[in-house]
Amino acid sequence: AETPEKENLSQLAARQLKYMQNLENALVRIKNGTYGICSVTGKLISKERLIAVPHTTQSIEAKMMKQD
């Protein structure tokens, strides 16, 4: 019973760490003036998307292109 709980906690910690790293990367992009610019298309990322996913580097358009 202990091992599955430890596994779940480990996965949760890993997700939290990745999220924090993504937010730190977003702060770097804010400082260098590239925040809100899609890394794939070079177009501005919509305000709605940035509100929903503040650390995103891709527009919805770019995200959809990757799914094809």
C-alpha atoms as a PDB file:
ATOM      1  CA  ALA A   1       0.000   0.000   0.000  1.00  0.00           C
ATOM      2  CA  GLU A   2       2.948   2.324   0.593  1.00  0.00           C
ATOM      3  CA  THR A   3       4.611   1.940  -2.808  1.00  0.00           C
ATOM      4  CA  PRO A   4       1.692   3.171  -4.980  1.00  0.00           C
ATOM      5  CA  GLU A   5       1.320   6.233  -2.748  1.00  0.00           C
ATOM      6  CA  LYS A   6       5.046   6.984  -2.975  1.00  0.00           C
ATOM      7  CA  GLU A   7       4.825   6.606  -6.759  1.00  0.00           C
ATOM      8  CA  ASN A   8       1.878   9.011  -6.917  1.00  0.00           C
ATOM      9  CA  LEU A   9       3.685  11.550  -4.744  1.00  0.00           C
ATOM     10  CA  SER A  10       6.798  11.234  -6.865  1.00  0.00           C
ATOM     11  CA  GLN A  11       4.819  11.819 -10.070  1.00  0.00           C
ATOM     12  CA  LEU A  12       3.047  14.798  -8.511  1.00  0.00           C
ATOM     13  CA  ALA A  13       6.381  16.286  -7.411  1.00  0.00           C
ATOM     14  CA  ALA A  14       7.840  15.784 -10.896  1.00  0.00           C
ATOM     15  CA  ARG A  15       4.825  17.527 -12.500  1.00  0.00           C
ATOM     16  CA  GLN A  16       5.075  20.422 -10.054  1.00  0.00           C
ATOM     17  CA  LEU A  17       8.801  20.786 -10.726  1.00  0.00           C
ATOM     18  CA  LYS A  18       8.217  20.802 -14.495  1.00  0.00           C
ATOM     19  CA  TYR A  19       5.462  23.425 -14.092  1.00  0.00           C
ATOM     20  CA  MET A  20       7.736  25.636 -11.990  1.00  0.00           C
ATOM     21  CA  GLN A  21      10.532  25.320 -14.544  1.00  0.00           C
ATOM     22  CA  ASN A  22       8.093  26.258 -17.324  1.00  0.00           C
ATOM     23  CA  LEU A  23       7.016  29.342 -15.365  1.00  0.00           C
ATOM     24  CA  GLU A  24      10.648  30.329 -14.761  1.00  0.00           C
ATOM     25  CA  ASN A  25      11.288  29.972 -18.499  1.00  0.00           C
ATOM     26  CA  ALA A  26       8.265  32.218 -19.143  1.00  0.00           C
ATOM     27  CA  LEU A  27       9.785  34.861 -16.842  1.00  0.00           C
ATOM     28  CA  VAL A  28      13.000  34.704 -18.886  1.00  0.00           C
ATOM     29  CA  ARG A  29      10.967  35.206 -22.072  1.00  0.00           C
ATOM     30  CA  ILE A  30       9.252  38.210 -20.473  1.00  0.00           C
ATOM     31  CA  LYS A  31      12.648  39.730 -19.675  1.00  0.00           C
ATOM     32  CA  ASN A  32      14.050  39.157 -23.158  1.00  0.00           C
ATOM     33  CA  GLY A  33      10.893  40.335 -24.924  1.00  0.00           C
ATOM     34  CA  THR A  34       9.833  37.059 -26.526  1.00  0.00           C
ATOM     35  CA  TYR A  35       6.952  36.175 -24.177  1.00  0.00           C
ATOM     36  CA  GLY A  36       3.695  35.740 -26.070  1.00  0.00           C
ATOM     37  CA  ILE A  37       5.352  35.027 -29.402  1.00  0.00           C
ATOM     38  CA  CYS A  38       4.809  31.542 -30.828  1.00  0.00           C
ATOM     39  CA  SER A  39       8.047  29.590 -31.151  1.00  0.00           C
ATOM     40  CA  VAL A  40       6.709  27.806 -34.251  1.00  0.00           C
ATOM     41  CA  THR A  41       4.863  30.454 -36.260  1.00  0.00           C
ATOM     42  CA  GLY A  42       6.446  33.634 -34.901  1.00  0.00           C
ATOM     43  CA  LYS A  43       2.957  35.130 -34.502  1.00  0.00           C
ATOM     44  CA  LEU A  44       1.506  36.536 -31.299  1.00  0.00           C
ATOM     45  CA  ILE A  45      -0.141  34.015 -28.993  1.00  0.00           C
ATOM     46  CA  SER A  46      -3.708  35.003 -28.127  1.00  0.00           C
ATOM     47  CA  LYS A  47      -4.311  36.620 -24.763  1.00  0.00           C
ATOM     48  CA  GLU A  48      -6.921  33.955 -23.973  1.00  0.00           C
ATOM     49  CA  ARG A  49      -4.365  31.181 -24.480  1.00  0.00           C
ATOM     50  CA  LEU A  50      -1.778  32.948 -22.334  1.00  0.00           C
ATOM     51  CA  ILE A  51      -4.339  33.357 -19.556  1.00  0.00           C
ATOM     52  CA  ALA A  52      -5.212  29.654 -19.753  1.00  0.00           C
ATOM     53  CA  VAL A  53      -1.596  28.441 -20.100  1.00  0.00           C
ATOM     54  CA  PRO A  54       0.755  31.241 -18.969  1.00  0.00           C
ATOM     55  CA  HIS A  55       3.917  29.264 -19.721  1.00  0.00           C
ATOM     56  CA  THR A  56       2.977  28.238 -23.262  1.00  0.00           C
ATOM     57  CA  THR A  57       5.428  28.816 -26.097  1.00  0.00           C
ATOM     58  CA  GLN A  58       3.009  27.912 -28.880  1.00  0.00           C
ATOM     59  CA  SER A  59      -0.164  29.348 -30.309  1.00  0.00           C
ATOM     60  CA  ILE A  60      -3.239  27.165 -30.723  1.00  0.00           C
ATOM     61  CA  GLU A  61      -2.493  27.169 -34.463  1.00  0.00           C
ATOM     62  CA  ALA A  62       0.984  25.688 -33.896  1.00  0.00           C
ATOM     63  CA  LYS A  63      -0.343  23.190 -31.372  1.00  0.00           C
ATOM     64  CA  MET A  64      -2.947  21.999 -33.882  1.00  0.00           C
ATOM     65  CA  MET A  65      -0.323  21.647 -36.629  1.00  0.00           C
ATOM     66  CA  LYS A  66       1.664  19.257 -34.390  1.00  0.00           C
ATOM     67  CA  GLN A  67      -1.405  17.045 -33.871  1.00  0.00           C
ATOM     68  CA  ASP A  68      -1.920  16.408 -37.587  1.00  0.00           C
END
